[in-house]
Amino acid sequence: MGTLKPGLYAITDDRLTPPDRLLASVAAALSGGAVLVQYRSKTATQAERLRQASDLAALCQDAGVPLLINDDPALAQRVNASGVHLGQDDCSLQEARKRLGDQAIIGITCHHRLDLAREAADNGASYLAFGRFFNSGTKPGAPAAQPSVLTQGRAFGLPVTAIGGITADNAEPLIKAGADLLAVVGGLFGGTDNDIEQRARQLTGLFAKHHPLFKIPD
């Protein structure tokens, strides 16, 4: 998987990780074993986004875990994040790669479609994200995907990410189907820091059981 390790991919949310809880919530997820973090904010101002992303970049750097920025290569460049996650309606992968360089991690939303995954792989994506697999509060209108797309998506030779309504209770079949990363929002964040850490540990434990390349962190 290159610079990406299999495991929990924690994605922030304005409602579940509000500004006064953002750093503590992500720190709890990291303590629980998260191997990748994405800063996703749809309501913060540009100044707030810069400050929050900068703080998260420092936190993740200290933890040795990559930070990605949702939909914003310019912000990723400003805070020296590890890369970006792009949806189908965001800037092009080539444009992001040109700005961020060959070493940047660039993930692409592929929904339930292998043709989008093939295109992303051909254009130099770092990982392919499929979903939603379950009802999602974050993306309620996203088309449904079947676990088989994870198995088929592995043919492109890139890490495969599952997203959409994932919790510790329903995640096991997705890892068994081929997910290298589980992108989790509502199934991770919300509640106390102890709650978040415990959920992260539960999700990480599923990788320890079912992913052939998972290694328990030192």
N, C-alpha and C. Protein backbone atom coordinates (compact mmCIF):
# COMPACT_ATOMS: atom_id res chain seq x y z
N MET A 1 0.81 -1.23 0.00
CA MET A 1 0.00 0.00 0.00
C MET A 1 0.84 1.26 0.00
N GLY A 2 2.13 1.13 -0.20
CA GLY A 2 2.96 2.33 -0.25
C GLY A 2 2.97 3.06 1.08
N THR A 3 2.72 4.38 1.05
CA THR A 3 2.73 5.18 2.28
C THR A 3 1.46 5.00 3.09
N LEU A 4 0.46 4.31 2.53
CA LEU A 4 -0.79 4.10 3.24
C LEU A 4 -0.80 2.74 3.92
N LYS A 5 -1.15 2.75 5.18
CA LYS A 5 -1.27 1.50 5.93
C LYS A 5 -2.75 1.11 6.00
N PRO A 6 -3.07 -0.18 6.04
CA PRO A 6 -4.46 -0.57 6.22
C PRO A 6 -4.95 -0.20 7.61
N GLY A 7 -6.22 0.17 7.69
CA GLY A 7 -6.78 0.51 9.00
C GLY A 7 -7.86 1.57 8.93
N LEU A 8 -8.08 2.22 10.04
CA LEU A 8 -9.14 3.20 10.21
C LEU A 8 -8.75 4.54 9.61
N TYR A 9 -9.66 5.09 8.81
CA TYR A 9 -9.48 6.38 8.14
C TYR A 9 -10.52 7.32 8.76
N ALA A 10 -10.07 8.21 9.63
CA ALA A 10 -10.96 9.09 10.38
C ALA A 10 -11.25 10.37 9.60
N ILE A 11 -12.53 10.69 9.42
CA ILE A 11 -12.92 11.89 8.68
C ILE A 11 -13.71 12.82 9.59
N THR A 12 -13.25 14.07 9.68
CA THR A 12 -13.89 15.03 10.58
C THR A 12 -15.21 15.54 9.98
N ASP A 13 -16.02 16.13 10.85
CA ASP A 13 -17.35 16.60 10.46
C ASP A 13 -17.69 17.81 11.32
N ASP A 14 -18.20 18.87 10.69
CA ASP A 14 -18.46 20.11 11.42
C ASP A 14 -19.40 19.91 12.61
N ARG A 15 -20.35 19.00 12.47
CA ARG A 15 -21.34 18.79 13.53
C ARG A 15 -20.78 17.89 14.64
N LEU A 16 -20.09 16.82 14.25
CA LEU A 16 -19.60 15.85 15.22
C LEU A 16 -18.25 16.23 15.81
N THR A 17 -17.47 17.03 15.07
CA THR A 17 -16.18 17.51 15.57
C THR A 17 -16.15 19.03 15.45
N PRO A 18 -16.98 19.73 16.24
CA PRO A 18 -17.00 21.19 16.17
C PRO A 18 -15.65 21.77 16.57
N PRO A 19 -15.41 23.05 16.24
CA PRO A 19 -14.08 23.63 16.46
C PRO A 19 -13.51 23.42 17.86
N ASP A 20 -14.35 23.53 18.88
CA ASP A 20 -13.82 23.41 20.24
C ASP A 20 -13.52 21.96 20.62
N ARG A 21 -13.93 21.00 19.78
CA ARG A 21 -13.69 19.59 20.07
C ARG A 21 -12.80 18.92 19.01
N LEU A 22 -12.48 19.65 17.96
CA LEU A 22 -11.83 19.05 16.80
C LEU A 22 -10.52 18.35 17.15
N LEU A 23 -9.60 19.07 17.77
CA LEU A 23 -8.28 18.49 18.03
C LEU A 23 -8.37 17.33 19.02
N ALA A 24 -9.16 17.50 20.08
CA ALA A 24 -9.28 16.43 21.08
C ALA A 24 -9.93 15.19 20.48
N SER A 25 -10.91 15.40 19.60
CA SER A 25 -11.59 14.26 18.98
C SER A 25 -10.64 13.49 18.07
N VAL A 26 -9.89 14.21 17.26
CA VAL A 26 -8.95 13.55 16.35
C VAL A 26 -7.82 12.89 17.15
N ALA A 27 -7.37 13.53 18.21
CA ALA A 27 -6.34 12.93 19.06
C ALA A 27 -6.83 11.61 19.65
N ALA A 28 -8.11 11.56 20.03
CA ALA A 28 -8.69 10.33 20.57
C ALA A 28 -8.73 9.24 19.50
N ALA A 29 -9.09 9.62 18.27
CA ALA A 29 -9.11 8.64 17.18
C ALA A 29 -7.70 8.11 16.89
N LEU A 30 -6.71 8.99 16.94
CA LEU A 30 -5.34 8.57 16.74
C LEU A 30 -4.88 7.63 17.85
N SER A 31 -5.27 7.94 19.07
CA SER A 31 -4.93 7.06 20.19
C SER A 31 -5.54 5.68 20.02
N GLY A 32 -6.70 5.64 19.37
CA GLY A 32 -7.37 4.38 19.13
C GLY A 32 -6.87 3.62 17.93
N GLY A 33 -5.94 4.21 17.18
CA GLY A 33 -5.31 3.47 16.10
C GLY A 33 -5.56 3.98 14.70
N ALA A 34 -6.21 5.13 14.52
CA ALA A 34 -6.44 5.65 13.17
C ALA A 34 -5.13 5.80 12.42
N VAL A 35 -5.13 5.38 11.14
CA VAL A 35 -3.90 5.41 10.33
C VAL A 35 -3.92 6.51 9.27
N LEU A 36 -5.07 7.19 9.14
CA LEU A 36 -5.21 8.26 8.16
C LEU A 36 -6.32 9.18 8.65
N VAL A 37 -6.14 10.49 8.44
CA VAL A 37 -7.13 11.49 8.88
C VAL A 37 -7.46 12.40 7.70
N GLN A 38 -8.74 12.73 7.57
CA GLN A 38 -9.16 13.72 6.57
C GLN A 38 -9.88 14.87 7.26
N TYR A 39 -9.44 16.07 6.95
CA TYR A 39 -10.14 17.27 7.44
C TYR A 39 -11.21 17.64 6.43
N ARG A 40 -12.45 17.56 6.88
CA ARG A 40 -13.59 17.85 6.01
C ARG A 40 -14.49 18.85 6.72
N SER A 41 -14.58 20.06 6.18
CA SER A 41 -15.42 21.11 6.75
C SER A 41 -16.16 21.81 5.63
N LYS A 42 -17.48 21.87 5.78
CA LYS A 42 -18.31 22.52 4.77
C LYS A 42 -18.88 23.85 5.25
N THR A 43 -18.65 24.22 6.52
CA THR A 43 -19.28 25.43 7.06
C THR A 43 -18.28 26.46 7.58
N ALA A 44 -17.03 26.07 7.85
CA ALA A 44 -16.06 27.01 8.42
C ALA A 44 -15.65 28.06 7.38
N THR A 45 -15.28 29.25 7.87
CA THR A 45 -14.76 30.29 6.98
C THR A 45 -13.36 29.91 6.52
N GLN A 46 -12.84 30.62 5.54
CA GLN A 46 -11.49 30.34 5.04
C GLN A 46 -10.45 30.47 6.15
N ALA A 47 -10.61 31.50 6.97
CA ALA A 47 -9.66 31.71 8.07
C ALA A 47 -9.74 30.57 9.08
N GLU A 48 -10.96 30.15 9.39
CA GLU A 48 -11.14 29.04 10.33
C GLU A 48 -10.57 27.74 9.76
N ARG A 49 -10.82 27.53 8.47
CA ARG A 49 -10.30 26.31 7.84
C ARG A 49 -8.77 26.28 7.88
N LEU A 50 -8.16 27.42 7.63
CA LEU A 50 -6.70 27.48 7.67
C LEU A 50 -6.19 27.16 9.07
N ARG A 51 -6.81 27.76 10.07
CA ARG A 51 -6.36 27.53 11.45
C ARG A 51 -6.58 26.08 11.87
N GLN A 52 -7.76 25.55 11.58
CA GLN A 52 -8.06 24.18 11.98
C GLN A 52 -7.18 23.17 11.26
N ALA A 53 -7.00 23.38 9.97
CA ALA A 53 -6.16 22.46 9.19
C ALA A 53 -4.70 22.53 9.65
N SER A 54 -4.23 23.72 9.98
CA SER A 54 -2.86 23.86 10.48
C SER A 54 -2.67 23.11 11.78
N ASP A 55 -3.63 23.26 12.69
CA ASP A 55 -3.56 22.56 13.98
C ASP A 55 -3.59 21.05 13.79
N LEU A 56 -4.46 20.59 12.90
CA LEU A 56 -4.54 19.15 12.64
C LEU A 56 -3.27 18.63 11.98
N ALA A 57 -2.69 19.42 11.09
CA ALA A 57 -1.46 19.00 10.43
C ALA A 57 -0.35 18.77 11.46
N ALA A 58 -0.26 19.67 12.43
CA ALA A 58 0.76 19.52 13.48
C ALA A 58 0.48 18.28 14.34
N LEU A 59 -0.79 18.09 14.69
CA LEU A 59 -1.18 16.93 15.50
C LEU A 59 -0.85 15.62 14.78
N CYS A 60 -1.23 15.55 13.51
CA CYS A 60 -1.01 14.32 12.74
C CYS A 60 0.47 14.08 12.48
N GLN A 61 1.20 15.15 12.25
CA GLN A 61 2.65 15.00 12.04
C GLN A 61 3.31 14.41 13.29
N ASP A 62 2.91 14.90 14.45
CA ASP A 62 3.45 14.38 15.70
C ASP A 62 3.12 12.90 15.87
N ALA A 63 1.94 12.49 15.36
CA ALA A 63 1.50 11.10 15.50
C ALA A 63 2.06 10.21 14.39
N GLY A 64 2.68 10.82 13.38
CA GLY A 64 3.19 10.05 12.26
C GLY A 64 2.11 9.50 11.36
N VAL A 65 0.99 10.23 11.30
CA VAL A 65 -0.16 9.79 10.50
C VAL A 65 -0.45 10.84 9.44
N PRO A 66 -0.67 10.43 8.18
CA PRO A 66 -0.94 11.42 7.13
C PRO A 66 -2.27 12.15 7.36
N LEU A 67 -2.28 13.45 7.04
CA LEU A 67 -3.50 14.26 7.04
C LEU A 67 -3.83 14.62 5.60
N LEU A 68 -5.07 14.36 5.20
CA LEU A 68 -5.57 14.78 3.90
C LEU A 68 -6.60 15.88 4.10
N ILE A 69 -6.72 16.75 3.12
CA ILE A 69 -7.71 17.83 3.13
C ILE A 69 -8.78 17.49 2.10
N ASN A 70 -10.03 17.64 2.47
CA ASN A 70 -11.12 17.36 1.56
C ASN A 70 -11.27 18.48 0.54
N ASP A 71 -11.18 18.12 -0.74
CA ASP A 71 -11.57 19.01 -1.85
C ASP A 71 -10.75 20.30 -2.00
N ASP A 72 -9.59 20.43 -1.38
CA ASP A 72 -8.93 21.74 -1.37
C ASP A 72 -7.41 21.60 -1.45
N PRO A 73 -6.87 21.38 -2.66
CA PRO A 73 -5.42 21.25 -2.81
C PRO A 73 -4.65 22.49 -2.34
N ALA A 74 -5.23 23.69 -2.53
CA ALA A 74 -4.54 24.91 -2.11
C ALA A 74 -4.34 24.93 -0.60
N LEU A 75 -5.39 24.54 0.14
CA LEU A 75 -5.27 24.50 1.60
C LEU A 75 -4.28 23.42 2.02
N ALA A 76 -4.33 22.27 1.36
CA ALA A 76 -3.39 21.19 1.67
C ALA A 76 -1.95 21.67 1.49
N GLN A 77 -1.71 22.44 0.44
CA GLN A 77 -0.37 22.96 0.19
C GLN A 77 0.03 23.96 1.27
N ARG A 78 -0.89 24.81 1.68
CA ARG A 78 -0.58 25.85 2.67
C ARG A 78 -0.20 25.26 4.02
N VAL A 79 -0.87 24.18 4.43
CA VAL A 79 -0.61 23.62 5.75
C VAL A 79 0.34 22.43 5.69
N ASN A 80 0.88 22.17 4.48
CA ASN A 80 1.82 21.07 4.30
C ASN A 80 1.20 19.73 4.69
N ALA A 81 -0.07 19.54 4.30
CA ALA A 81 -0.73 18.26 4.53
C ALA A 81 -0.15 17.21 3.60
N SER A 82 -0.50 15.96 3.85
CA SER A 82 0.05 14.87 3.04
C SER A 82 -0.65 14.72 1.70
N GLY A 83 -1.83 15.36 1.55
CA GLY A 83 -2.53 15.25 0.28
C GLY A 83 -3.98 15.68 0.40
N VAL A 84 -4.79 15.19 -0.55
CA VAL A 84 -6.20 15.60 -0.62
C VAL A 84 -7.07 14.40 -0.97
N HIS A 85 -8.37 14.55 -0.64
CA HIS A 85 -9.38 13.64 -1.17
C HIS A 85 -10.29 14.44 -2.09
N LEU A 86 -10.52 13.92 -3.29
CA LEU A 86 -11.31 14.63 -4.29
C LEU A 86 -12.56 13.84 -4.66
N GLY A 87 -13.69 14.56 -4.73
CA GLY A 87 -14.91 13.98 -5.27
C GLY A 87 -14.93 14.13 -6.78
N GLN A 88 -15.96 13.59 -7.40
CA GLN A 88 -16.05 13.64 -8.86
C GLN A 88 -16.28 15.06 -9.38
N ASP A 89 -16.80 15.94 -8.53
CA ASP A 89 -17.11 17.30 -8.97
C ASP A 89 -16.07 18.32 -8.54
N ASP A 90 -14.97 17.85 -7.97
CA ASP A 90 -13.93 18.76 -7.49
C ASP A 90 -12.89 18.99 -8.59
N CYS A 91 -11.79 19.63 -8.25
CA CYS A 91 -10.75 19.88 -9.24
C CYS A 91 -10.20 18.55 -9.75
N SER A 92 -9.59 18.57 -10.89
CA SER A 92 -9.11 17.32 -11.49
C SER A 92 -7.94 16.74 -10.71
N LEU A 93 -7.79 15.44 -10.83
CA LEU A 93 -6.67 14.77 -10.18
C LEU A 93 -5.35 15.31 -10.72
N GLN A 94 -5.29 15.53 -12.03
CA GLN A 94 -4.04 16.03 -12.63
C GLN A 94 -3.68 17.41 -12.07
N GLU A 95 -4.70 18.25 -11.90
CA GLU A 95 -4.47 19.59 -11.36
C GLU A 95 -3.95 19.51 -9.93
N ALA A 96 -4.55 18.63 -9.12
CA ALA A 96 -4.10 18.47 -7.74
C ALA A 96 -2.68 17.91 -7.69
N ARG A 97 -2.41 16.95 -8.56
CA ARG A 97 -1.07 16.34 -8.58
C ARG A 97 -0.01 17.37 -8.98
N LYS A 98 -0.34 18.21 -9.94
CA LYS A 98 0.59 19.23 -10.39
C LYS A 98 0.92 20.19 -9.25
N ARG A 99 -0.10 20.54 -8.46
CA ARG A 99 0.11 21.49 -7.35
C ARG A 99 0.86 20.84 -6.18
N LEU A 100 0.52 19.59 -5.87
CA LEU A 100 1.00 18.97 -4.64
C LEU A 100 2.22 18.07 -4.83
N GLY A 101 2.48 17.66 -6.05
CA GLY A 101 3.68 16.87 -6.30
C GLY A 101 3.44 15.37 -6.33
N ASP A 102 4.47 14.66 -6.77
CA ASP A 102 4.36 13.22 -6.97
C ASP A 102 4.16 12.44 -5.67
N GLN A 103 4.64 12.99 -4.56
CA GLN A 103 4.58 12.24 -3.30
C GLN A 103 3.25 12.40 -2.57
N ALA A 104 2.42 13.33 -3.01
CA ALA A 104 1.16 13.59 -2.31
C ALA A 104 0.22 12.39 -2.43
N ILE A 105 -0.55 12.18 -1.37
CA ILE A 105 -1.61 11.17 -1.38
C ILE A 105 -2.87 11.83 -1.94
N ILE A 106 -3.40 11.27 -3.02
CA ILE A 106 -4.62 11.81 -3.62
C ILE A 106 -5.63 10.69 -3.77
N GLY A 107 -6.70 10.77 -2.99
CA GLY A 107 -7.76 9.79 -3.06
C GLY A 107 -8.92 10.30 -3.89
N ILE A 108 -9.63 9.37 -4.52
CA ILE A 108 -10.71 9.74 -5.42
C ILE A 108 -11.99 8.99 -5.06
N THR A 109 -13.10 9.71 -4.97
CA THR A 109 -14.41 9.10 -4.78
C THR A 109 -14.84 8.41 -6.07
N CYS A 110 -15.15 7.12 -5.97
CA CYS A 110 -15.56 6.35 -7.15
C CYS A 110 -17.00 5.84 -7.03
N HIS A 111 -17.69 6.20 -5.93
CA HIS A 111 -19.07 5.77 -5.70
C HIS A 111 -19.16 4.24 -5.79
N HIS A 112 -19.99 3.72 -6.67
CA HIS A 112 -20.15 2.27 -6.84
C HIS A 112 -19.65 1.83 -8.21
N ARG A 113 -18.82 2.66 -8.84
CA ARG A 113 -18.52 2.47 -10.26
C ARG A 113 -17.05 2.12 -10.53
N LEU A 114 -16.86 0.99 -11.19
CA LEU A 114 -15.52 0.55 -11.54
C LEU A 114 -14.93 1.38 -12.68
N ASP A 115 -15.79 1.97 -13.53
CA ASP A 115 -15.25 2.80 -14.60
C ASP A 115 -14.59 4.06 -14.04
N LEU A 116 -15.17 4.61 -12.98
CA LEU A 116 -14.55 5.77 -12.33
C LEU A 116 -13.25 5.36 -11.64
N ALA A 117 -13.23 4.17 -11.06
CA ALA A 117 -12.01 3.67 -10.43
C ALA A 117 -10.91 3.46 -11.45
N ARG A 118 -11.26 2.92 -12.61
CA ARG A 118 -10.27 2.71 -13.66
C ARG A 118 -9.67 4.04 -14.13
N GLU A 119 -10.55 5.02 -14.31
CA GLU A 119 -10.09 6.34 -14.73
C GLU A 119 -9.16 6.96 -13.69
N ALA A 120 -9.54 6.85 -12.41
CA ALA A 120 -8.72 7.40 -11.33
C ALA A 120 -7.36 6.71 -11.27
N ALA A 121 -7.37 5.40 -11.40
CA ALA A 121 -6.11 4.65 -11.37
C ALA A 121 -5.22 5.05 -12.55
N ASP A 122 -5.80 5.18 -13.72
CA ASP A 122 -5.03 5.56 -14.91
C ASP A 122 -4.43 6.95 -14.77
N ASN A 123 -5.11 7.82 -14.00
CA ASN A 123 -4.65 9.20 -13.84
C ASN A 123 -3.74 9.41 -12.64
N GLY A 124 -3.40 8.33 -11.94
CA GLY A 124 -2.41 8.44 -10.88
C GLY A 124 -2.95 8.62 -9.48
N ALA A 125 -4.17 8.15 -9.22
CA ALA A 125 -4.72 8.23 -7.86
C ALA A 125 -3.89 7.39 -6.90
N SER A 126 -3.95 7.75 -5.62
CA SER A 126 -3.23 7.00 -4.58
C SER A 126 -4.11 5.94 -3.95
N TYR A 127 -5.40 6.18 -3.87
CA TYR A 127 -6.36 5.18 -3.38
C TYR A 127 -7.71 5.44 -4.02
N LEU A 128 -8.56 4.41 -3.99
CA LEU A 128 -9.90 4.46 -4.58
C LEU A 128 -10.92 4.31 -3.46
N ALA A 129 -11.88 5.23 -3.40
CA ALA A 129 -12.90 5.19 -2.35
C ALA A 129 -14.25 4.80 -2.94
N PHE A 130 -14.83 3.72 -2.40
CA PHE A 130 -16.13 3.24 -2.85
C PHE A 130 -17.16 3.38 -1.73
N GLY A 131 -18.39 3.63 -2.10
CA GLY A 131 -19.47 3.72 -1.12
C GLY A 131 -20.55 4.66 -1.62
N ARG A 132 -21.66 4.76 -0.94
CA ARG A 132 -21.84 4.37 0.45
C ARG A 132 -22.31 2.93 0.57
N PHE A 133 -21.93 2.24 1.61
CA PHE A 133 -22.32 0.85 1.82
C PHE A 133 -23.53 0.72 2.73
N PHE A 134 -23.73 1.71 3.60
CA PHE A 134 -24.87 1.70 4.50
C PHE A 134 -25.47 3.10 4.50
N ASN A 135 -26.62 3.27 5.14
CA ASN A 135 -27.23 4.59 5.23
C ASN A 135 -26.25 5.54 5.90
N SER A 136 -26.07 6.70 5.28
CA SER A 136 -25.05 7.64 5.75
C SER A 136 -25.67 8.99 6.08
N GLY A 137 -25.40 9.47 7.29
CA GLY A 137 -25.85 10.80 7.67
C GLY A 137 -25.05 11.88 7.00
N THR A 138 -23.80 11.58 6.63
CA THR A 138 -22.93 12.57 5.99
C THR A 138 -23.28 12.76 4.52
N LYS A 139 -23.57 11.65 3.83
CA LYS A 139 -23.91 11.71 2.41
C LYS A 139 -25.17 10.89 2.14
N PRO A 140 -26.31 11.37 2.61
CA PRO A 140 -27.54 10.57 2.50
C PRO A 140 -27.98 10.30 1.07
N GLY A 141 -27.60 11.16 0.12
CA GLY A 141 -28.04 10.99 -1.26
C GLY A 141 -27.10 10.18 -2.13
N ALA A 142 -26.00 9.71 -1.56
CA ALA A 142 -25.03 8.97 -2.37
C ALA A 142 -25.60 7.62 -2.80
N PRO A 143 -25.28 7.17 -4.01
CA PRO A 143 -25.79 5.88 -4.46
C PRO A 143 -25.21 4.73 -3.65
N ALA A 144 -25.99 3.68 -3.51
CA ALA A 144 -25.55 2.53 -2.72
C ALA A 144 -24.52 1.70 -3.48
N ALA A 145 -23.61 1.10 -2.74
CA ALA A 145 -22.60 0.21 -3.32
C ALA A 145 -22.68 -1.15 -2.64
N GLN A 146 -22.26 -2.18 -3.35
CA GLN A 146 -22.21 -3.52 -2.80
C GLN A 146 -20.77 -3.90 -2.45
N PRO A 147 -20.57 -4.73 -1.41
CA PRO A 147 -19.21 -5.11 -1.02
C PRO A 147 -18.39 -5.71 -2.16
N SER A 148 -19.05 -6.32 -3.14
CA SER A 148 -18.32 -6.93 -4.25
C SER A 148 -17.47 -5.92 -5.03
N VAL A 149 -17.88 -4.63 -5.00
CA VAL A 149 -17.11 -3.62 -5.74
C VAL A 149 -15.72 -3.44 -5.10
N LEU A 150 -15.61 -3.71 -3.80
CA LEU A 150 -14.31 -3.63 -3.13
C LEU A 150 -13.38 -4.72 -3.66
N THR A 151 -13.94 -5.92 -3.80
CA THR A 151 -13.16 -7.04 -4.33
C THR A 151 -12.72 -6.76 -5.76
N GLN A 152 -13.65 -6.29 -6.57
CA GLN A 152 -13.34 -6.00 -7.97
C GLN A 152 -12.37 -4.82 -8.09
N GLY A 153 -12.52 -3.84 -7.19
CA GLY A 153 -11.67 -2.65 -7.24
C GLY A 153 -10.21 -2.94 -6.96
N ARG A 154 -9.93 -4.06 -6.32
CA ARG A 154 -8.55 -4.41 -6.01
C ARG A 154 -7.75 -4.71 -7.28
N ALA A 155 -8.45 -4.99 -8.37
CA ALA A 155 -7.77 -5.30 -9.63
C ALA A 155 -6.93 -4.14 -10.15
N PHE A 156 -7.20 -2.93 -9.66
CA PHE A 156 -6.46 -1.76 -10.15
C PHE A 156 -5.13 -1.56 -9.42
N GLY A 157 -4.88 -2.39 -8.40
CA GLY A 157 -3.58 -2.37 -7.75
C GLY A 157 -3.36 -1.21 -6.78
N LEU A 158 -4.45 -0.56 -6.36
CA LEU A 158 -4.36 0.55 -5.41
C LEU A 158 -5.11 0.20 -4.13
N PRO A 159 -4.76 0.85 -3.01
CA PRO A 159 -5.54 0.65 -1.79
C PRO A 159 -7.01 1.00 -2.03
N VAL A 160 -7.88 0.21 -1.44
CA VAL A 160 -9.32 0.37 -1.61
C VAL A 160 -9.93 0.83 -0.29
N THR A 161 -10.72 1.89 -0.37
CA THR A 161 -11.35 2.47 0.81
C THR A 161 -12.87 2.28 0.74
N ALA A 162 -13.47 1.92 1.85
CA ALA A 162 -14.93 1.83 1.96
C ALA A 162 -15.43 2.98 2.81
N ILE A 163 -16.56 3.58 2.40
CA ILE A 163 -17.13 4.71 3.14
C ILE A 163 -18.65 4.63 3.10
N GLY A 164 -19.28 5.18 4.11
CA GLY A 164 -20.72 5.32 4.11
C GLY A 164 -21.43 4.52 5.18
N GLY A 165 -21.71 5.15 6.32
CA GLY A 165 -22.49 4.51 7.37
C GLY A 165 -21.78 3.38 8.10
N ILE A 166 -20.47 3.37 8.07
CA ILE A 166 -19.71 2.25 8.64
C ILE A 166 -19.56 2.42 10.15
N THR A 167 -19.80 1.31 10.87
CA THR A 167 -19.59 1.25 12.30
C THR A 167 -18.82 -0.03 12.62
N ALA A 168 -18.43 -0.18 13.88
CA ALA A 168 -17.75 -1.42 14.28
C ALA A 168 -18.65 -2.63 14.13
N ASP A 169 -19.96 -2.42 14.14
CA ASP A 169 -20.91 -3.54 14.05
C ASP A 169 -21.11 -4.05 12.62
N ASN A 170 -20.86 -3.21 11.62
CA ASN A 170 -21.13 -3.66 10.25
C ASN A 170 -19.89 -3.69 9.35
N ALA A 171 -18.74 -3.40 9.92
CA ALA A 171 -17.53 -3.21 9.09
C ALA A 171 -16.85 -4.51 8.66
N GLU A 172 -17.02 -5.56 9.41
CA GLU A 172 -16.25 -6.79 9.17
C GLU A 172 -16.40 -7.31 7.73
N PRO A 173 -17.62 -7.39 7.17
CA PRO A 173 -17.75 -7.90 5.80
C PRO A 173 -17.02 -7.03 4.76
N LEU A 174 -16.88 -5.75 5.05
CA LEU A 174 -16.20 -4.86 4.10
C LEU A 174 -14.70 -5.14 4.07
N ILE A 175 -14.12 -5.40 5.22
CA ILE A 175 -12.69 -5.76 5.26
C ILE A 175 -12.49 -7.10 4.57
N LYS A 176 -13.37 -8.04 4.85
CA LYS A 176 -13.27 -9.37 4.23
C LYS A 176 -13.43 -9.28 2.71
N ALA A 177 -14.23 -8.30 2.24
CA ALA A 177 -14.44 -8.14 0.80
C ALA A 177 -13.26 -7.46 0.11
N GLY A 178 -12.37 -6.85 0.90
CA GLY A 178 -11.18 -6.26 0.29
C GLY A 178 -10.84 -4.85 0.70
N ALA A 179 -11.59 -4.25 1.62
CA ALA A 179 -11.29 -2.88 2.03
C ALA A 179 -9.95 -2.82 2.78
N ASP A 180 -9.08 -1.93 2.31
CA ASP A 180 -7.82 -1.67 3.02
C ASP A 180 -8.00 -0.59 4.07
N LEU A 181 -8.92 0.31 3.82
CA LEU A 181 -9.20 1.42 4.73
C LEU A 181 -10.71 1.52 4.93
N LEU A 182 -11.12 1.82 6.14
CA LEU A 182 -12.52 2.12 6.43
C LEU A 182 -12.62 3.60 6.79
N ALA A 183 -13.27 4.37 5.92
CA ALA A 183 -13.46 5.80 6.17
C ALA A 183 -14.70 5.98 7.02
N VAL A 184 -14.53 6.50 8.22
CA VAL A 184 -15.63 6.54 9.19
C VAL A 184 -15.79 7.96 9.74
N VAL A 185 -17.04 8.40 9.79
CA VAL A 185 -17.38 9.72 10.33
C VAL A 185 -18.27 9.52 11.56
N GLY A 186 -19.56 9.30 11.32
CA GLY A 186 -20.52 9.17 12.41
C GLY A 186 -20.30 7.95 13.28
N GLY A 187 -19.76 6.89 12.69
CA GLY A 187 -19.49 5.68 13.46
C GLY A 187 -18.27 5.79 14.35
N LEU A 188 -17.61 6.94 14.31
CA LEU A 188 -16.41 7.18 15.11
C LEU A 188 -16.57 8.39 16.02
N PHE A 189 -16.94 9.52 15.42
CA PHE A 189 -16.96 10.78 16.17
C PHE A 189 -18.31 11.04 16.84
N GLY A 190 -18.28 11.95 17.81
CA GLY A 190 -19.45 12.22 18.64
C GLY A 190 -19.27 11.52 19.98
N GLY A 191 -19.78 12.14 21.04
CA GLY A 191 -19.58 11.56 22.37
C GLY A 191 -18.28 12.04 22.99
N THR A 192 -17.85 11.36 24.04
CA THR A 192 -16.65 11.75 24.76
C THR A 192 -15.40 11.26 24.04
N ASP A 193 -14.25 11.81 24.45
CA ASP A 193 -12.99 11.35 23.87
C ASP A 193 -12.81 9.85 24.11
N ASN A 194 -13.23 9.37 25.28
CA ASN A 194 -13.12 7.95 25.58
C ASN A 194 -13.97 7.11 24.63
N ASP A 195 -15.19 7.61 24.32
CA ASP A 195 -16.06 6.93 23.36
C ASP A 195 -15.36 6.81 22.01
N ILE A 196 -14.78 7.93 21.55
CA ILE A 196 -14.12 7.95 20.24
C ILE A 196 -12.94 6.99 20.22
N GLU A 197 -12.13 7.01 21.26
CA GLU A 197 -10.97 6.12 21.30
C GLU A 197 -11.41 4.66 21.30
N GLN A 198 -12.47 4.36 22.04
CA GLN A 198 -12.95 2.97 22.11
C GLN A 198 -13.48 2.51 20.75
N ARG A 199 -14.23 3.37 20.07
CA ARG A 199 -14.74 3.01 18.74
C ARG A 199 -13.57 2.79 17.78
N ALA A 200 -12.57 3.66 17.87
CA ALA A 200 -11.39 3.51 17.01
C ALA A 200 -10.70 2.18 17.29
N ARG A 201 -10.59 1.82 18.54
CA ARG A 201 -9.94 0.55 18.90
C ARG A 201 -10.74 -0.64 18.37
N GLN A 202 -12.06 -0.55 18.45
CA GLN A 202 -12.90 -1.63 17.93
C GLN A 202 -12.70 -1.81 16.42
N LEU A 203 -12.72 -0.69 15.70
CA LEU A 203 -12.54 -0.75 14.25
C LEU A 203 -11.14 -1.24 13.89
N THR A 204 -10.14 -0.77 14.62
CA THR A 204 -8.76 -1.22 14.40
C THR A 204 -8.62 -2.70 14.67
N GLY A 205 -9.32 -3.17 15.69
CA GLY A 205 -9.27 -4.59 16.03
C GLY A 205 -9.79 -5.48 14.92
N LEU A 206 -10.76 -4.98 14.14
CA LEU A 206 -11.28 -5.76 13.01
C LEU A 206 -10.22 -5.94 11.94
N PHE A 207 -9.39 -4.94 11.73
CA PHE A 207 -8.28 -5.08 10.78
C PHE A 207 -7.26 -6.09 11.29
N ALA A 208 -7.00 -6.06 12.58
CA ALA A 208 -6.05 -7.01 13.15
C ALA A 208 -6.52 -8.45 12.92
N LYS A 209 -7.83 -8.65 12.92
CA LYS A 209 -8.38 -9.99 12.72
C LYS A 209 -8.46 -10.39 11.25
N HIS A 210 -8.78 -9.42 10.38
CA HIS A 210 -9.20 -9.80 9.04
C HIS A 210 -8.37 -9.26 7.88
N HIS A 211 -7.42 -8.35 8.14
CA HIS A 211 -6.63 -7.82 7.02
C HIS A 211 -5.24 -8.44 7.04
N PRO A 212 -4.83 -9.06 5.93
CA PRO A 212 -3.55 -9.80 5.93
C PRO A 212 -2.32 -8.94 6.12
N LEU A 213 -2.42 -7.65 5.81
CA LEU A 213 -1.23 -6.78 5.90
C LEU A 213 -1.23 -5.90 7.15
N PHE A 214 -2.27 -6.05 7.99
CA PHE A 214 -2.34 -5.16 9.15
C PHE A 214 -1.26 -5.53 10.16
N LYS A 215 -0.62 -4.48 10.68
CA LYS A 215 0.37 -4.65 11.74
C LYS A 215 0.00 -3.77 12.91
N ILE A 216 0.03 -4.33 14.10
CA ILE A 216 -0.26 -3.54 15.29
C ILE A 216 0.83 -2.48 15.45
N PRO A 217 0.43 -1.18 15.61
CA PRO A 217 1.43 -0.11 15.74
C PRO A 217 2.38 -0.36 16.90
N ASP A 218 3.62 0.09 16.71
CA ASP A 218 4.62 -0.05 17.78
C ASP A 218 4.24 0.78 18.98
